[in-house]
Amino acid sequence: MITNKSIDTLRDRGLRLTRPRRIILDVVRATDAHPTAAFVYRRVRRRLPRVSLATVYRNLRMLAAEGFRIDDVPAPAQRTDRRLPARTGFEVLDHRTEYYGRCRVCRRPGGRSSRTR
């Protein structure tokens, strides 16, 4: 789901939050995987059947350029997952770790200051 911070960030940069752009952001943020453009396109078409693949690509490029990006980072398996069921009675089916920060460009003086994922 798109957040108010994301809306404000787009508006602060002079970008309109069009319906296709909002839906594309919702789709990207709702997935646990690193989505491909084709995946996003298929999901967006469920809500906006007349959207073109070119619109999805153009918006994904623009959003990435503005700092709304997802980067996959390999992480070692955590041993605590094996102990969790014994301590809590909760069966672990899957887990993920998310890091929030700023990319190299955004950390430069005068760079973008948006929070990225």
Protein backbone atom coordinates (compact mmCIF):
# COMPACT_ATOMS: atom_id res chain seq x y z
CA MET A 1 0.00 0.00 0.00
CA ILE A 2 1.35 3.41 -0.88
CA THR A 3 2.10 5.59 2.14
CA ASN A 4 1.47 9.27 2.72
CA LYS A 5 5.25 9.73 2.86
CA SER A 6 5.53 8.29 -0.66
CA ILE A 7 2.80 10.61 -1.91
CA ASP A 8 4.49 13.61 -0.30
CA THR A 9 7.87 12.60 -1.73
CA LEU A 10 6.45 12.41 -5.26
CA ARG A 11 4.67 15.74 -4.92
CA ASP A 12 7.76 17.41 -3.43
CA ARG A 13 9.63 16.41 -6.58
CA GLY A 14 6.92 17.85 -8.81
CA LEU A 15 5.58 14.46 -9.90
CA ARG A 16 1.88 13.75 -10.12
CA LEU A 17 0.47 10.65 -8.47
CA THR A 18 -1.56 9.37 -11.41
CA ARG A 19 -3.85 6.37 -11.04
CA PRO A 20 -1.49 4.04 -12.96
CA ARG A 21 1.49 5.25 -10.89
CA ARG A 22 -0.41 4.70 -7.63
CA ILE A 23 -1.42 1.18 -8.66
CA ILE A 24 2.12 0.34 -9.82
CA LEU A 25 3.50 1.49 -6.46
CA ASP A 26 0.85 -0.56 -4.63
CA VAL A 27 1.75 -3.68 -6.63
CA VAL A 28 5.50 -3.29 -6.08
CA ARG A 29 5.11 -2.67 -2.35
CA ALA A 30 2.66 -5.54 -1.90
CA THR A 31 4.98 -8.27 -3.17
CA ASP A 32 7.56 -10.12 -1.11
CA ALA A 33 9.73 -10.78 -4.17
CA HIS A 34 11.76 -8.52 -6.44
CA PRO A 35 9.07 -8.11 -9.11
CA THR A 36 9.78 -8.03 -12.83
CA ALA A 37 8.10 -5.49 -15.08
CA ALA A 38 6.02 -8.29 -16.60
CA PHE A 39 4.83 -9.35 -13.13
CA VAL A 40 3.89 -5.76 -12.27
CA TYR A 41 2.13 -5.36 -15.62
CA ARG A 42 -0.01 -8.48 -15.08
CA ARG A 43 -0.98 -7.35 -11.58
CA VAL A 44 -1.72 -3.76 -12.61
CA ARG A 45 -3.94 -4.96 -15.48
CA ARG A 46 -6.21 -6.67 -12.96
CA ARG A 47 -7.11 -3.25 -11.59
CA LEU A 48 -6.54 -1.14 -14.69
CA PRO A 49 -7.19 -3.35 -17.76
CA ARG A 50 -6.33 -0.70 -20.36
CA VAL A 51 -2.86 0.11 -19.00
CA SER A 52 -0.05 -0.43 -21.50
CA LEU A 53 3.19 -2.29 -20.90
CA ALA A 54 5.01 0.90 -21.94
CA THR A 55 3.26 2.83 -19.15
CA VAL A 56 4.38 0.26 -16.59
CA TYR A 57 7.99 0.32 -17.84
CA ARG A 58 8.08 4.12 -17.97
CA ASN A 59 6.72 4.43 -14.43
CA LEU A 60 9.02 1.76 -13.03
CA ARG A 61 12.03 3.55 -14.54
CA MET A 62 10.86 6.89 -13.19
CA LEU A 63 10.17 5.50 -9.71
CA ALA A 64 13.57 3.80 -9.60
CA ALA A 65 15.26 7.03 -10.69
CA GLU A 66 13.43 8.86 -7.90
CA GLY A 67 14.63 6.42 -5.25
CA PHE A 68 11.62 4.10 -4.97
CA ARG A 69 13.68 0.95 -5.53
CA ILE A 70 14.00 -2.54 -4.11
CA ASP A 71 17.40 -4.20 -3.94
CA ASP A 72 17.87 -7.85 -3.05
CA VAL A 73 20.57 -8.44 -0.46
CA PRO A 74 21.76 -11.99 0.28
CA ALA A 75 21.61 -12.78 3.97
CA PRO A 76 22.84 -15.80 5.94
CA ALA A 77 20.26 -18.13 7.47
CA GLN A 78 19.44 -17.27 11.06
CA ARG A 79 19.68 -19.99 13.67
CA THR A 80 17.04 -18.35 15.85
CA ASP A 81 14.38 -19.62 13.45
CA ARG A 82 14.93 -23.19 14.67
CA ARG A 83 14.47 -22.19 18.31
CA LEU A 84 11.39 -20.05 17.80
CA PRO A 85 8.84 -22.92 17.60
CA ALA A 86 10.16 -24.46 20.80
CA ARG A 87 9.98 -21.16 22.67
CA THR A 88 6.65 -19.90 21.32
CA GLY A 89 4.80 -22.86 19.83
CA PHE A 90 4.65 -20.86 16.58
CA GLU A 91 5.42 -22.77 13.37
CA VAL A 92 7.74 -20.73 11.14
CA LEU A 93 6.74 -21.09 7.50
CA ASP A 94 8.88 -18.31 6.09
CA HIS A 95 10.68 -15.15 7.14
CA ARG A 96 12.29 -12.08 5.65
CA THR A 97 14.54 -9.26 6.74
CA GLU A 98 14.09 -5.76 5.35
CA TYR A 99 16.66 -2.99 5.45
CA TYR A 100 15.60 0.63 5.04
CA GLY A 101 18.11 3.25 4.05
CA ARG A 102 19.45 5.53 1.37
CA CYS A 103 21.45 4.58 -1.71
CA ARG A 104 24.89 5.98 -2.55
CA VAL A 105 23.43 8.78 -4.71
CA CYS A 106 20.99 9.84 -1.98
CA ARG A 107 23.75 10.00 0.64
CA ARG A 108 25.75 12.57 -1.35
CA PRO A 109 25.43 16.20 -0.35
CA GLY A 110 22.58 17.64 -2.37
CA GLY A 111 21.33 14.15 -3.24
CA ARG A 112 17.83 12.86 -2.83
CA SER A 113 16.61 12.36 0.70
CA SER A 114 13.78 9.87 0.28
CA ARG A 115 13.52 6.76 2.38
CA THR A 116 14.04 3.72 0.16
CA ARG A 117 13.58 0.02 0.58
